[in-house]
Amino acid sequence: MGFLDQIFGKKEEQDQTKSLWRTIESEKDLDLAVEKSFKQKVLIFKHSTRCFISKTVLKSFEKQMENSDKDQIYYFLDLIAYRDISNEIESRFGVTHQSPQLIALENGKPVYNASHQSIDLDQI
């Protein structure tokens, strides 16, 4: 499959999609995202790598990202690997944990929160 993916561009497409995201893997990364939200809208996508629904919503959202001209920064949080960071987000911002979930931050505060099929970049 890898050989065919290279011929038909799937690998390149995956690499391009990955370049759209910054990852949150520590509280320091979360602090940096919050800091950036004072200059530019920050979106945090919380994703469960074990959930088919989460994977489907993520793919749909990434298509929206690719076609968007909005000036915002996209962060990705792997909930399975970094559940403690998800808990910190819930505690810090008062946003109940969901998966998948999108949280938009402006000036250090959540201004938008959606989960599952309600996640829509056009709503932000």
PDB file of N, CA and C in Angstrom:
ATOM      1  N   MET A   1       0.803  -1.182   0.000  1.00  0.00           N
ATOM      2  CA  MET A   1       0.000   0.000   0.000  1.00  0.00           C
ATOM      3  C   MET A   1       0.859   1.264   0.000  1.00  0.00           C
ATOM      4  N   GLY A   2       1.959   1.276   0.738  1.00  0.00           N
ATOM      5  CA  GLY A   2       2.814   2.457   0.809  1.00  0.00           C
ATOM      6  C   GLY A   2       3.308   2.907  -0.545  1.00  0.00           C
ATOM      7  N   PHE A   3       3.690   1.955  -1.393  1.00  0.00           N
ATOM      8  CA  PHE A   3       4.160   2.268  -2.739  1.00  0.00           C
ATOM      9  C   PHE A   3       3.053   2.939  -3.543  1.00  0.00           C
ATOM     10  N   LEU A   4       1.845   2.394  -3.478  1.00  0.00           N
ATOM     11  CA  LEU A   4       0.721   2.980  -4.209  1.00  0.00           C
ATOM     12  C   LEU A   4       0.347   4.350  -3.653  1.00  0.00           C
ATOM     13  N   ASP A   5       0.426   4.499  -2.337  1.00  0.00           N
ATOM     14  CA  ASP A   5       0.139   5.799  -1.726  1.00  0.00           C
ATOM     15  C   ASP A   5       1.105   6.858  -2.243  1.00  0.00           C
ATOM     16  N   GLN A   6       2.378   6.497  -2.398  1.00  0.00           N
ATOM     17  CA  GLN A   6       3.356   7.454  -2.899  1.00  0.00           C
ATOM     18  C   GLN A   6       3.062   7.831  -4.341  1.00  0.00           C
ATOM     19  N   ILE A   7       2.679   6.847  -5.139  1.00  0.00           N
ATOM     20  CA  ILE A   7       2.359   7.115  -6.537  1.00  0.00           C
ATOM     21  C   ILE A   7       1.141   8.033  -6.642  1.00  0.00           C
ATOM     22  N   PHE A   8       0.122   7.752  -5.835  1.00  0.00           N
ATOM     23  CA  PHE A   8      -1.127   8.494  -5.944  1.00  0.00           C
ATOM     24  C   PHE A   8      -1.224   9.673  -4.978  1.00  0.00           C
ATOM     25  N   GLY A   9      -0.177   9.957  -4.257  1.00  0.00           N
ATOM     26  CA  GLY A   9      -0.102  11.182  -3.470  1.00  0.00           C
ATOM     27  C   GLY A   9      -0.641  11.135  -2.058  1.00  0.00           C
ATOM     28  N   LYS A  10      -1.076   9.997  -1.560  1.00  0.00           N
ATOM     29  CA  LYS A  10      -1.644   9.957  -0.211  1.00  0.00           C
ATOM     30  C   LYS A  10      -0.622  10.378   0.838  1.00  0.00           C
ATOM     31  N   LYS A  11       0.606   9.922   0.742  1.00  0.00           N
ATOM     32  CA  LYS A  11       1.650  10.283   1.711  1.00  0.00           C
ATOM     33  C   LYS A  11       1.856  11.794   1.727  1.00  0.00           C
ATOM     34  N   GLU A  12       1.922  12.391   0.545  1.00  0.00           N
ATOM     35  CA  GLU A  12       2.104  13.831   0.459  1.00  0.00           C
ATOM     36  C   GLU A  12       0.926  14.558   1.095  1.00  0.00           C
ATOM     37  N   GLU A  13      -0.284  14.060   0.870  1.00  0.00           N
ATOM     38  CA  GLU A  13      -1.483  14.645   1.452  1.00  0.00           C
ATOM     39  C   GLU A  13      -1.436  14.554   2.970  1.00  0.00           C
ATOM     40  N   GLN A  14      -1.005  13.410   3.514  1.00  0.00           N
ATOM     41  CA  GLN A  14      -0.908  13.243   4.959  1.00  0.00           C
ATOM     42  C   GLN A  14       0.139  14.192   5.537  1.00  0.00           C
ATOM     43  N   ASP A  15       1.282  14.339   4.866  1.00  0.00           N
ATOM     44  CA  ASP A  15       2.318  15.236   5.348  1.00  0.00           C
ATOM     45  C   ASP A  15       1.823  16.680   5.357  1.00  0.00           C
ATOM     46  N   GLN A  16       1.078  17.054   4.317  1.00  0.00           N
ATOM     47  CA  GLN A  16       0.541  18.404   4.245  1.00  0.00           C
ATOM     48  C   GLN A  16      -0.447  18.638   5.388  1.00  0.00           C
ATOM     49  N   THR A  17      -1.304  17.670   5.669  1.00  0.00           N
ATOM     50  CA  THR A  17      -2.267  17.788   6.751  1.00  0.00           C
ATOM     51  C   THR A  17      -1.557  17.929   8.085  1.00  0.00           C
ATOM     52  N   LYS A  18      -0.530  17.115   8.325  1.00  0.00           N
ATOM     53  CA  LYS A  18       0.211  17.199   9.582  1.00  0.00           C
ATOM     54  C   LYS A  18       0.831  18.573   9.769  1.00  0.00           C
ATOM     55  N   SER A  19       1.228  19.225   8.671  1.00  0.00           N
ATOM     56  CA  SER A  19       1.873  20.524   8.786  1.00  0.00           C
ATOM     57  C   SER A  19       0.886  21.621   9.192  1.00  0.00           C
ATOM     58  N   LEU A  20      -0.408  21.354   9.115  1.00  0.00           N
ATOM     59  CA  LEU A  20      -1.408  22.323   9.533  1.00  0.00           C
ATOM     60  C   LEU A  20      -1.502  22.435  11.052  1.00  0.00           C
ATOM     61  N   TRP A  21      -1.058  21.401  11.753  1.00  0.00           N
ATOM     62  CA  TRP A  21      -1.218  21.300  13.207  1.00  0.00           C
ATOM     63  C   TRP A  21       0.053  21.620  13.977  1.00  0.00           C
ATOM     64  N   ARG A  22      -0.141  22.174  15.157  1.00  0.00           N
ATOM     65  CA  ARG A  22       0.885  22.210  16.197  1.00  0.00           C
ATOM     66  C   ARG A  22       0.374  21.256  17.269  1.00  0.00           C
ATOM     67  N   THR A  23       1.249  20.556  17.917  1.00  0.00           N
ATOM     68  CA  THR A  23       0.800  19.569  18.895  1.00  0.00           C
ATOM     69  C   THR A  23       0.898  20.096  20.323  1.00  0.00           C
ATOM     70  N   ILE A  24       0.013  19.592  21.145  1.00  0.00           N
ATOM     71  CA  ILE A  24       0.071  19.854  22.580  1.00  0.00           C
ATOM     72  C   ILE A  24       0.430  18.529  23.233  1.00  0.00           C
ATOM     73  N   GLU A  25       1.616  18.507  23.842  1.00  0.00           N
ATOM     74  CA  GLU A  25       2.111  17.296  24.484  1.00  0.00           C
ATOM     75  C   GLU A  25       2.541  17.534  25.922  1.00  0.00           C
ATOM     76  N   SER A  26       2.367  18.771  26.385  1.00  0.00           N
ATOM     77  CA  SER A  26       2.764  19.111  27.752  1.00  0.00           C
ATOM     78  C   SER A  26       1.995  20.352  28.205  1.00  0.00           C
ATOM     79  N   GLU A  27       2.039  20.617  29.497  1.00  0.00           N
ATOM     80  CA  GLU A  27       1.413  21.846  29.994  1.00  0.00           C
ATOM     81  C   GLU A  27       2.114  23.068  29.431  1.00  0.00           C
ATOM     82  N   LYS A  28       3.399  22.962  29.173  1.00  0.00           N
ATOM     83  CA  LYS A  28       4.135  24.066  28.561  1.00  0.00           C
ATOM     84  C   LYS A  28       3.570  24.375  27.174  1.00  0.00           C
ATOM     85  N   ASP A  29       3.256  23.337  26.389  1.00  0.00           N
ATOM     86  CA  ASP A  29       2.641  23.539  25.072  1.00  0.00           C
ATOM     87  C   ASP A  29       1.276  24.205  25.216  1.00  0.00           C
ATOM     88  N   LEU A  30       0.501  23.777  26.209  1.00  0.00           N
ATOM     89  CA  LEU A  30      -0.805  24.381  26.457  1.00  0.00           C
ATOM     90  C   LEU A  30      -0.649  25.848  26.849  1.00  0.00           C
ATOM     91  N   ASP A  31       0.302  26.145  27.716  1.00  0.00           N
ATOM     92  CA  ASP A  31       0.563  27.529  28.127  1.00  0.00           C
ATOM     93  C   ASP A  31       0.924  28.389  26.918  1.00  0.00           C
ATOM     94  N   LEU A  32       1.720  27.843  26.008  1.00  0.00           N
ATOM     95  CA  LEU A  32       2.106  28.571  24.800  1.00  0.00           C
ATOM     96  C   LEU A  32       0.887  28.845  23.915  1.00  0.00           C
ATOM     97  N   ALA A  33       0.006  27.871  23.792  1.00  0.00           N
ATOM     98  CA  ALA A  33      -1.222  28.058  23.009  1.00  0.00           C
ATOM     99  C   ALA A  33      -2.069  29.177  23.618  1.00  0.00           C
ATOM    100  N   VAL A  34      -2.202  29.166  24.932  1.00  0.00           N
ATOM    101  CA  VAL A  34      -2.974  30.209  25.614  1.00  0.00           C
ATOM    102  C   VAL A  34      -2.324  31.569  25.380  1.00  0.00           C
ATOM    103  N   GLU A  35      -1.022  31.626  25.501  1.00  0.00           N
ATOM    104  CA  GLU A  35      -0.290  32.883  25.270  1.00  0.00           C
ATOM    105  C   GLU A  35      -0.531  33.402  23.849  1.00  0.00           C
ATOM    106  N   LYS A  36      -0.494  32.514  22.868  1.00  0.00           N
ATOM    107  CA  LYS A  36      -0.710  32.913  21.476  1.00  0.00           C
ATOM    108  C   LYS A  36      -2.129  33.414  21.236  1.00  0.00           C
ATOM    109  N   SER A  37      -3.078  32.956  22.080  1.00  0.00           N
ATOM    110  CA  SER A  37      -4.472  33.353  21.890  1.00  0.00           C
ATOM    111  C   SER A  37      -4.715  34.839  22.168  1.00  0.00           C
ATOM    112  N   PHE A  38      -3.745  35.513  22.766  1.00  0.00           N
ATOM    113  CA  PHE A  38      -3.865  36.946  22.994  1.00  0.00           C
ATOM    114  C   PHE A  38      -3.548  37.747  21.727  1.00  0.00           C
ATOM    115  N   LYS A  39      -2.948  37.089  20.738  1.00  0.00           N
ATOM    116  CA  LYS A  39      -2.595  37.750  19.478  1.00  0.00           C
ATOM    117  C   LYS A  39      -3.412  37.230  18.308  1.00  0.00           C
ATOM    118  N   GLN A  40      -3.858  35.982  18.424  1.00  0.00           N
ATOM    119  CA  GLN A  40      -4.511  35.310  17.305  1.00  0.00           C
ATOM    120  C   GLN A  40      -5.422  34.225  17.871  1.00  0.00           C
ATOM    121  N   LYS A  41      -6.544  33.964  17.199  1.00  0.00           N
ATOM    122  CA  LYS A  41      -7.450  32.917  17.678  1.00  0.00           C
ATOM    123  C   LYS A  41      -6.738  31.571  17.618  1.00  0.00           C
ATOM    124  N   VAL A  42      -6.888  30.785  18.677  1.00  0.00           N
ATOM    125  CA  VAL A  42      -6.282  29.460  18.788  1.00  0.00           C
ATOM    126  C   VAL A  42      -7.395  28.425  18.855  1.00  0.00           C
ATOM    127  N   LEU A  43      -7.268  27.377  18.046  1.00  0.00           N
ATOM    128  CA  LEU A  43      -8.229  26.276  18.061  1.00  0.00           C
ATOM    129  C   LEU A  43      -7.528  25.025  18.538  1.00  0.00           C
ATOM    130  N   ILE A  44      -8.106  24.355  19.519  1.00  0.00           N
ATOM    131  CA  ILE A  44      -7.555  23.109  20.045  1.00  0.00           C
ATOM    132  C   ILE A  44      -8.515  21.980  19.686  1.00  0.00           C
ATOM    133  N   PHE A  45      -8.022  21.014  18.908  1.00  0.00           N
ATOM    134  CA  PHE A  45      -8.815  19.850  18.532  1.00  0.00           C
ATOM    135  C   PHE A  45      -8.376  18.693  19.416  1.00  0.00           C
ATOM    136  N   LYS A  46      -9.307  18.193  20.230  1.00  0.00           N
ATOM    137  CA  LYS A  46      -9.029  17.056  21.111  1.00  0.00           C
ATOM    138  C   LYS A  46      -9.530  15.800  20.414  1.00  0.00           C
ATOM    139  N   HIS A  47      -8.634  14.853  20.187  1.00  0.00           N
ATOM    140  CA  HIS A  47      -8.920  13.681  19.353  1.00  0.00           C
ATOM    141  C   HIS A  47      -8.576  12.383  20.066  1.00  0.00           C
ATOM    142  N   SER A  48      -9.513  11.428  19.997  1.00  0.00           N
ATOM    143  CA  SER A  48      -9.246  10.088  20.507  1.00  0.00           C
ATOM    144  C   SER A  48      -8.808   9.203  19.350  1.00  0.00           C
ATOM    145  N   THR A  49      -7.591   8.712  19.418  1.00  0.00           N
ATOM    146  CA  THR A  49      -7.053   7.876  18.342  1.00  0.00           C
ATOM    147  C   THR A  49      -7.690   6.492  18.316  1.00  0.00           C
ATOM    148  N   ARG A  50      -8.510   6.165  19.306  1.00  0.00           N
ATOM    149  CA  ARG A  50      -9.178   4.860  19.363  1.00  0.00           C
ATOM    150  C   ARG A  50     -10.630   4.911  18.891  1.00  0.00           C
ATOM    151  N   CYS A  51     -11.103   6.077  18.503  1.00  0.00           N
ATOM    152  CA  CYS A  51     -12.519   6.265  18.200  1.00  0.00           C
ATOM    153  C   CYS A  51     -12.737   6.556  16.721  1.00  0.00           C
ATOM    154  N   PHE A  52     -13.561   5.738  16.079  1.00  0.00           N
ATOM    155  CA  PHE A  52     -13.862   5.920  14.660  1.00  0.00           C
ATOM    156  C   PHE A  52     -14.574   7.257  14.408  1.00  0.00           C
ATOM    157  N   ILE A  53     -15.502   7.626  15.282  1.00  0.00           N
ATOM    158  CA  ILE A  53     -16.218   8.899  15.113  1.00  0.00           C
ATOM    159  C   ILE A  53     -15.239  10.063  15.179  1.00  0.00           C
ATOM    160  N   SER A  54     -14.332  10.008  16.135  1.00  0.00           N
ATOM    161  CA  SER A  54     -13.337  11.066  16.267  1.00  0.00           C
ATOM    162  C   SER A  54     -12.487  11.171  15.007  1.00  0.00           C
ATOM    163  N   LYS A  55     -12.089  10.032  14.466  1.00  0.00           N
ATOM    164  CA  LYS A  55     -11.275  10.017  13.249  1.00  0.00           C
ATOM    165  C   LYS A  55     -12.041  10.615  12.069  1.00  0.00           C
ATOM    166  N   THR A  56     -13.315  10.289  11.957  1.00  0.00           N
ATOM    167  CA  THR A  56     -14.149  10.808  10.873  1.00  0.00           C
ATOM    168  C   THR A  56     -14.314  12.325  10.986  1.00  0.00           C
ATOM    169  N   VAL A  57     -14.598  12.800  12.193  1.00  0.00           N
ATOM    170  CA  VAL A  57     -14.759  14.236  12.417  1.00  0.00           C
ATOM    171  C   VAL A  57     -13.445  14.963  12.153  1.00  0.00           C
ATOM    172  N   LEU A  58     -12.326  14.370  12.571  1.00  0.00           N
ATOM    173  CA  LEU A  58     -11.016  14.971  12.330  1.00  0.00           C
ATOM    174  C   LEU A  58     -10.765  15.145  10.838  1.00  0.00           C
ATOM    175  N   LYS A  59     -11.019  14.125  10.046  1.00  0.00           N
ATOM    176  CA  LYS A  59     -10.801  14.223   8.596  1.00  0.00           C
ATOM    177  C   LYS A  59     -11.664  15.317   7.980  1.00  0.00           C
ATOM    178  N   SER A  60     -12.896  15.394   8.391  1.00  0.00           N
ATOM    179  CA  SER A  60     -13.795  16.428   7.886  1.00  0.00           C
ATOM    180  C   SER A  60     -13.289  17.824   8.274  1.00  0.00           C
ATOM    181  N   PHE A  61     -12.851  17.966   9.514  1.00  0.00           N
ATOM    182  CA  PHE A  61     -12.349  19.254   9.987  1.00  0.00           C
ATOM    183  C   PHE A  61     -11.074  19.653   9.245  1.00  0.00           C
ATOM    184  N   GLU A  62     -10.196  18.684   8.995  1.00  0.00           N
ATOM    185  CA  GLU A  62      -8.958  18.994   8.272  1.00  0.00           C
ATOM    186  C   GLU A  62      -9.250  19.474   6.853  1.00  0.00           C
ATOM    187  N   LYS A  63     -10.276  18.962   6.222  1.00  0.00           N
ATOM    188  CA  LYS A  63     -10.672  19.468   4.901  1.00  0.00           C
ATOM    189  C   LYS A  63     -11.119  20.913   5.009  1.00  0.00           C
ATOM    190  N   GLN A  64     -11.856  21.233   6.059  1.00  0.00           N
ATOM    191  CA  GLN A  64     -12.261  22.622   6.273  1.00  0.00           C
ATOM    192  C   GLN A  64     -11.036  23.513   6.504  1.00  0.00           C
ATOM    193  N   MET A  65     -10.080  23.011   7.281  1.00  0.00           N
ATOM    194  CA  MET A  65      -8.857  23.771   7.558  1.00  0.00           C
ATOM    195  C   MET A  65      -8.129  24.121   6.271  1.00  0.00           C
ATOM    196  N   GLU A  66      -7.986  23.127   5.404  1.00  0.00           N
ATOM    197  CA  GLU A  66      -7.253  23.320   4.155  1.00  0.00           C
ATOM    198  C   GLU A  66      -7.893  24.385   3.277  1.00  0.00           C
ATOM    199  N   ASN A  67      -9.216  24.516   3.364  1.00  0.00           N
ATOM    200  CA  ASN A  67      -9.942  25.471   2.521  1.00  0.00           C
ATOM    201  C   ASN A  67     -10.221  26.794   3.212  1.00  0.00           C
ATOM    202  N   SER A  68      -9.773  26.936   4.434  1.00  0.00           N
ATOM    203  CA  SER A  68     -10.063  28.136   5.202  1.00  0.00           C
ATOM    204  C   SER A  68      -9.005  29.218   4.975  1.00  0.00           C
ATOM    205  N   ASP A  69      -9.478  30.451   4.975  1.00  0.00           N
ATOM    206  CA  ASP A  69      -8.553  31.579   4.894  1.00  0.00           C
ATOM    207  C   ASP A  69      -8.553  32.360   6.214  1.00  0.00           C
ATOM    208  N   LYS A  70      -9.133  31.755   7.253  1.00  0.00           N
ATOM    209  CA  LYS A  70      -9.186  32.405   8.559  1.00  0.00           C
ATOM    210  C   LYS A  70      -7.797  32.420   9.194  1.00  0.00           C
ATOM    211  N   ASP A  71      -7.516  33.496   9.897  1.00  0.00           N
ATOM    212  CA  ASP A  71      -6.225  33.676  10.548  1.00  0.00           C
ATOM    213  C   ASP A  71      -6.294  33.122  11.968  1.00  0.00           C
ATOM    214  N   GLN A  72      -5.955  31.839  12.102  1.00  0.00           N
ATOM    215  CA  GLN A  72      -5.980  31.189  13.407  1.00  0.00           C
ATOM    216  C   GLN A  72      -4.910  30.109  13.471  1.00  0.00           C
ATOM    217  N   ILE A  73      -4.609  29.699  14.680  1.00  0.00           N
ATOM    218  CA  ILE A  73      -3.583  28.677  14.893  1.00  0.00           C
ATOM    219  C   ILE A  73      -4.283  27.403  15.347  1.00  0.00           C
ATOM    220  N   TYR A  74      -3.902  26.281  14.755  1.00  0.00           N
ATOM    221  CA  TYR A  74      -4.534  25.000  15.035  1.00  0.00           C
ATOM    222  C   TYR A  74      -3.619  24.128  15.895  1.00  0.00           C
ATOM    223  N   TYR A  75      -4.164  23.675  17.018  1.00  0.00           N
ATOM    224  CA  TYR A  75      -3.451  22.756  17.901  1.00  0.00           C
ATOM    225  C   TYR A  75      -4.183  21.428  17.954  1.00  0.00           C
ATOM    226  N   PHE A  76      -3.412  20.358  18.071  1.00  0.00           N
ATOM    227  CA  PHE A  76      -3.926  18.995  18.103  1.00  0.00           C
ATOM    228  C   PHE A  76      -3.520  18.351  19.420  1.00  0.00           C
ATOM    229  N   LEU A  77      -4.491  17.723  20.093  1.00  0.00           N
ATOM    230  CA  LEU A  77      -4.211  17.010  21.335  1.00  0.00           C
ATOM    231  C   LEU A  77      -4.671  15.562  21.194  1.00  0.00           C
ATOM    232  N   ASP A  78      -3.739  14.634  21.295  1.00  0.00           N
ATOM    233  CA  ASP A  78      -4.033  13.199  21.298  1.00  0.00           C
ATOM    234  C   ASP A  78      -4.480  12.838  22.711  1.00  0.00           C
ATOM    235  N   LEU A  79      -5.791  12.586  22.854  1.00  0.00           N
ATOM    236  CA  LEU A  79      -6.353  12.331  24.185  1.00  0.00           C
ATOM    237  C   LEU A  79      -5.852  11.057  24.829  1.00  0.00           C
ATOM    238  N   ILE A  80      -5.527  10.074  24.030  1.00  0.00           N
ATOM    239  CA  ILE A  80      -5.073   8.804  24.591  1.00  0.00           C
ATOM    240  C   ILE A  80      -3.680   8.968  25.197  1.00  0.00           C
ATOM    241  N   ALA A  81      -2.813   9.617  24.479  1.00  0.00           N
ATOM    242  CA  ALA A  81      -1.433   9.791  24.949  1.00  0.00           C
ATOM    243  C   ALA A  81      -1.306  10.881  26.027  1.00  0.00           C
ATOM    244  N   TYR A  82      -2.189  11.875  25.981  1.00  0.00           N
ATOM    245  CA  TYR A  82      -2.035  13.036  26.868  1.00  0.00           C
ATOM    246  C   TYR A  82      -3.349  13.375  27.588  1.00  0.00           C
ATOM    247  N   ARG A  83      -3.944  12.383  28.196  1.00  0.00           N
ATOM    248  CA  ARG A  83      -5.214  12.592  28.896  1.00  0.00           C
ATOM    249  C   ARG A  83      -5.063  13.606  30.031  1.00  0.00           C
ATOM    250  N   ASP A  84      -3.901  13.641  30.672  1.00  0.00           N
ATOM    251  CA  ASP A  84      -3.691  14.601  31.758  1.00  0.00           C
ATOM    252  C   ASP A  84      -3.791  16.040  31.257  1.00  0.00           C
ATOM    253  N   ILE A  85      -3.383  16.290  30.018  1.00  0.00           N
ATOM    254  CA  ILE A  85      -3.487  17.641  29.446  1.00  0.00           C
ATOM    255  C   ILE A  85      -4.961  17.957  29.172  1.00  0.00           C
ATOM    256  N   SER A  86      -5.711  16.970  28.701  1.00  0.00           N
ATOM    257  CA  SER A  86      -7.142  17.172  28.491  1.00  0.00           C
ATOM    258  C   SER A  86      -7.826  17.511  29.814  1.00  0.00           C
ATOM    259  N   ASN A  87      -7.439  16.822  30.861  1.00  0.00           N
ATOM    260  CA  ASN A  87      -7.987  17.121  32.190  1.00  0.00           C
ATOM    261  C   ASN A  87      -7.636  18.541  32.619  1.00  0.00           C
ATOM    262  N   GLU A  88      -6.427  18.968  32.309  1.00  0.00           N
ATOM    263  CA  GLU A  88      -5.992  20.331  32.637  1.00  0.00           C
ATOM    264  C   GLU A  88      -6.821  21.357  31.867  1.00  0.00           C
ATOM    265  N   ILE A  89      -7.122  21.077  30.605  1.00  0.00           N
ATOM    266  CA  ILE A  89      -7.956  21.975  29.802  1.00  0.00           C
ATOM    267  C   ILE A  89      -9.342  22.100  30.432  1.00  0.00           C
ATOM    268  N   GLU A  90      -9.904  20.967  30.828  1.00  0.00           N
ATOM    269  CA  GLU A  90     -11.225  20.973  31.464  1.00  0.00           C
ATOM    270  C   GLU A  90     -11.190  21.803  32.742  1.00  0.00           C
ATOM    271  N   SER A  91     -10.184  21.604  33.556  1.00  0.00           N
ATOM    272  CA  SER A  91     -10.059  22.318  34.824  1.00  0.00           C
ATOM    273  C   SER A  91      -9.809  23.813  34.610  1.00  0.00           C
ATOM    274  N   ARG A  92      -8.893  24.122  33.717  1.00  0.00           N
ATOM    275  CA  ARG A  92      -8.480  25.509  33.512  1.00  0.00           C
ATOM    276  C   ARG A  92      -9.570  26.358  32.870  1.00  0.00           C
ATOM    277  N   PHE A  93     -10.300  25.785  31.911  1.00  0.00           N
ATOM    278  CA  PHE A  93     -11.265  26.568  31.142  1.00  0.00           C
ATOM    279  C   PHE A  93     -12.719  26.278  31.483  1.00  0.00           C
ATOM    280  N   GLY A  94     -12.963  25.272  32.337  1.00  0.00           N
ATOM    281  CA  GLY A  94     -14.330  24.949  32.703  1.00  0.00           C
ATOM    282  C   GLY A  94     -15.144  24.364  31.558  1.00  0.00           C
ATOM    283  N   VAL A  95     -14.468  23.718  30.623  1.00  0.00           N
ATOM    284  CA  VAL A  95     -15.125  23.107  29.467  1.00  0.00           C
ATOM    285  C   VAL A  95     -15.131  21.596  29.684  1.00  0.00           C
ATOM    286  N   THR A  96     -16.325  21.025  29.807  1.00  0.00           N
ATOM    287  CA  THR A  96     -16.460  19.591  30.053  1.00  0.00           C
ATOM    288  C   THR A  96     -15.804  18.791  28.934  1.00  0.00           C
ATOM    289  N   HIS A  97     -15.068  17.754  29.314  1.00  0.00           N
ATOM    290  CA  HIS A  97     -14.354  16.903  28.357  1.00  0.00           C
ATOM    291  C   HIS A  97     -15.316  16.200  27.410  1.00  0.00           C
ATOM    292  N   GLN A  98     -14.985  16.241  26.125  1.00  0.00           N
ATOM    293  CA  GLN A  98     -15.687  15.509  25.071  1.00  0.00           C
ATOM    294  C   GLN A  98     -14.623  14.959  24.122  1.00  0.00           C
ATOM    295  N   SER A  99     -15.029  14.034  23.289  1.00  0.00           N
ATOM    296  CA  SER A  99     -14.117  13.504  22.271  1.00  0.00           C
ATOM    297  C   SER A  99     -14.933  13.011  21.079  1.00  0.00           C
ATOM    298  N   PRO A 100     -14.659  13.572  19.927  1.00  0.00           N
ATOM    299  CA  PRO A 100     -13.750  14.683  19.640  1.00  0.00           C
ATOM    300  C   PRO A 100     -14.340  16.005  20.125  1.00  0.00           C
ATOM    301  N   GLN A 101     -13.462  16.979  20.249  1.00  0.00           N
ATOM    302  CA  GLN A 101     -13.893  18.281  20.744  1.00  0.00           C
ATOM    303  C   GLN A 101     -13.013  19.371  20.143  1.00  0.00           C
ATOM    304  N   LEU A 102     -13.639  20.508  19.863  1.00  0.00           N
ATOM    305  CA  LEU A 102     -12.911  21.675  19.391  1.00  0.00           C
ATOM    306  C   LEU A 102     -13.185  22.820  20.343  1.00  0.00           C
ATOM    307  N   ILE A 103     -12.107  23.444  20.808  1.00  0.00           N
ATOM    308  CA  ILE A 103     -12.212  24.589  21.700  1.00  0.00           C
ATOM    309  C   ILE A 103     -11.453  25.745  21.061  1.00  0.00           C
ATOM    310  N   ALA A 104     -12.110  26.893  20.950  1.00  0.00           N
ATOM    311  CA  ALA A 104     -11.463  28.094  20.427  1.00  0.00           C
ATOM    312  C   ALA A 104     -11.142  29.018  21.595  1.00  0.00           C
ATOM    313  N   LEU A 105      -9.924  29.539  21.585  1.00  0.00           N
ATOM    314  CA  LEU A 105      -9.482  30.465  22.626  1.00  0.00           C
ATOM    315  C   LEU A 105      -9.187  31.834  22.029  1.00  0.00           C
ATOM    316  N   GLU A 106      -9.623  32.864  22.736  1.00  0.00           N
ATOM    317  CA  GLU A 106      -9.252  34.244  22.435  1.00  0.00           C
ATOM    318  C   GLU A 106      -8.937  34.922  23.757  1.00  0.00           C
ATOM    319  N   ASN A 107      -7.834  35.629  23.789  1.00  0.00           N
ATOM    320  CA  ASN A 107      -7.422  36.330  25.004  1.00  0.00           C
ATOM    321  C   ASN A 107      -7.411  35.423  26.228  1.00  0.00           C
ATOM    322  N   GLY A 108      -6.962  34.171  26.017  1.00  0.00           N
ATOM    323  CA  GLY A 108      -6.793  33.231  27.114  1.00  0.00           C
ATOM    324  C   GLY A 108      -8.070  32.575  27.604  1.00  0.00           C
ATOM    325  N   LYS A 109      -9.200  32.829  26.913  1.00  0.00           N
ATOM    326  CA  LYS A 109     -10.480  32.284  27.370  1.00  0.00           C
ATOM    327  C   LYS A 109     -11.191  31.542  26.246  1.00  0.00           C
ATOM    328  N   PRO A 110     -11.955  30.501  26.609  1.00  0.00           N
ATOM    329  CA  PRO A 110     -12.714  29.779  25.579  1.00  0.00           C
ATOM    330  C   PRO A 110     -13.871  30.636  25.061  1.00  0.00           C
ATOM    331  N   VAL A 111     -13.991  30.733  23.733  1.00  0.00           N
ATOM    332  CA  VAL A 111     -15.071  31.505  23.118  1.00  0.00           C
ATOM    333  C   VAL A 111     -15.966  30.612  22.263  1.00  0.00           C
ATOM    334  N   TYR A 112     -15.557  29.360  22.085  1.00  0.00           N
ATOM    335  CA  TYR A 112     -16.324  28.404  21.287  1.00  0.00           C
ATOM    336  C   TYR A 112     -15.944  27.014  21.747  1.00  0.00           C
ATOM    337  N   ASN A 113     -16.940  26.133  21.754  1.00  0.00           N
ATOM    338  CA  ASN A 113     -16.709  24.760  22.193  1.00  0.00           C
ATOM    339  C   ASN A 113     -17.752  23.894  21.500  1.00  0.00           C
ATOM    340  N   ALA A 114     -17.307  22.876  20.792  1.00  0.00           N
ATOM    341  CA  ALA A 114     -18.228  21.959  20.124  1.00  0.00           C
ATOM    342  C   ALA A 114     -17.640  20.561  20.157  1.00  0.00           C
ATOM    343  N   SER A 115     -18.518  19.575  20.019  1.00  0.00           N
ATOM    344  CA  SER A 115     -18.044  18.199  19.988  1.00  0.00           C
ATOM    345  C   SER A 115     -18.780  17.415  18.907  1.00  0.00           C
ATOM    346  N   HIS A 116     -18.187  16.290  18.565  1.00  0.00           N
ATOM    347  CA  HIS A 116     -18.730  15.356  17.593  1.00  0.00           C
ATOM    348  C   HIS A 116     -19.075  16.070  16.275  1.00  0.00           C
ATOM    349  N   GLN A 117     -20.246  15.782  15.709  1.00  0.00           N
ATOM    350  CA  GLN A 117     -20.599  16.339  14.404  1.00  0.00           C
ATOM    351  C   GLN A 117     -20.935  17.834  14.464  1.00  0.00           C
ATOM    352  N   SER A 118     -20.988  18.407  15.628  1.00  0.00           N
ATOM    353  CA  SER A 118     -21.223  19.851  15.756  1.00  0.00           C
ATOM    354  C   SER A 118     -19.975  20.662  15.473  1.00  0.00           C
ATOM    355  N   ILE A 119     -18.831  20.025  15.371  1.00  0.00           N
ATOM    356  CA  ILE A 119     -17.574  20.726  15.094  1.00  0.00           C
ATOM    357  C   ILE A 119     -17.613  21.230  13.659  1.00  0.00           C
ATOM    358  N   ASP A 120     -17.540  22.553  13.525  1.00  0.00           N
ATOM    359  CA  ASP A 120     -17.654  23.185  12.205  1.00  0.00           C
ATOM    360  C   ASP A 120     -16.850  24.478  12.210  1.00  0.00           C
ATOM    361  N   LEU A 121     -15.851  24.541  11.394  1.00  0.00           N
ATOM    362  CA  LEU A 121     -14.978  25.706  11.327  1.00  0.00           C
ATOM    363  C   LEU A 121     -15.755  26.967  10.935  1.00  0.00           C
ATOM    364  N   ASP A 122     -16.795  26.814  10.140  1.00  0.00           N
ATOM    365  CA  ASP A 122     -17.584  27.971   9.709  1.00  0.00           C
ATOM    366  C   ASP A 122     -18.370  28.605  10.860  1.00  0.00           C
ATOM    367  N   GLN A 123     -18.524  27.896  11.961  1.00  0.00           N
ATOM    368  CA  GLN A 123     -19.260  28.417  13.108  1.00  0.00           C
ATOM    369  C   GLN A 123     -18.396  29.311  14.007  1.00  0.00           C
ATOM    370  N   ILE A 124     -17.114  29.340  13.745  1.00  0.00           N
ATOM    371  CA  ILE A 124     -16.199  30.099  14.606  1.00  0.00           C
ATOM    372  C   ILE A 124     -15.994  31.491  14.056  1.00  0.00           C
TER     373      ILE A 124
END
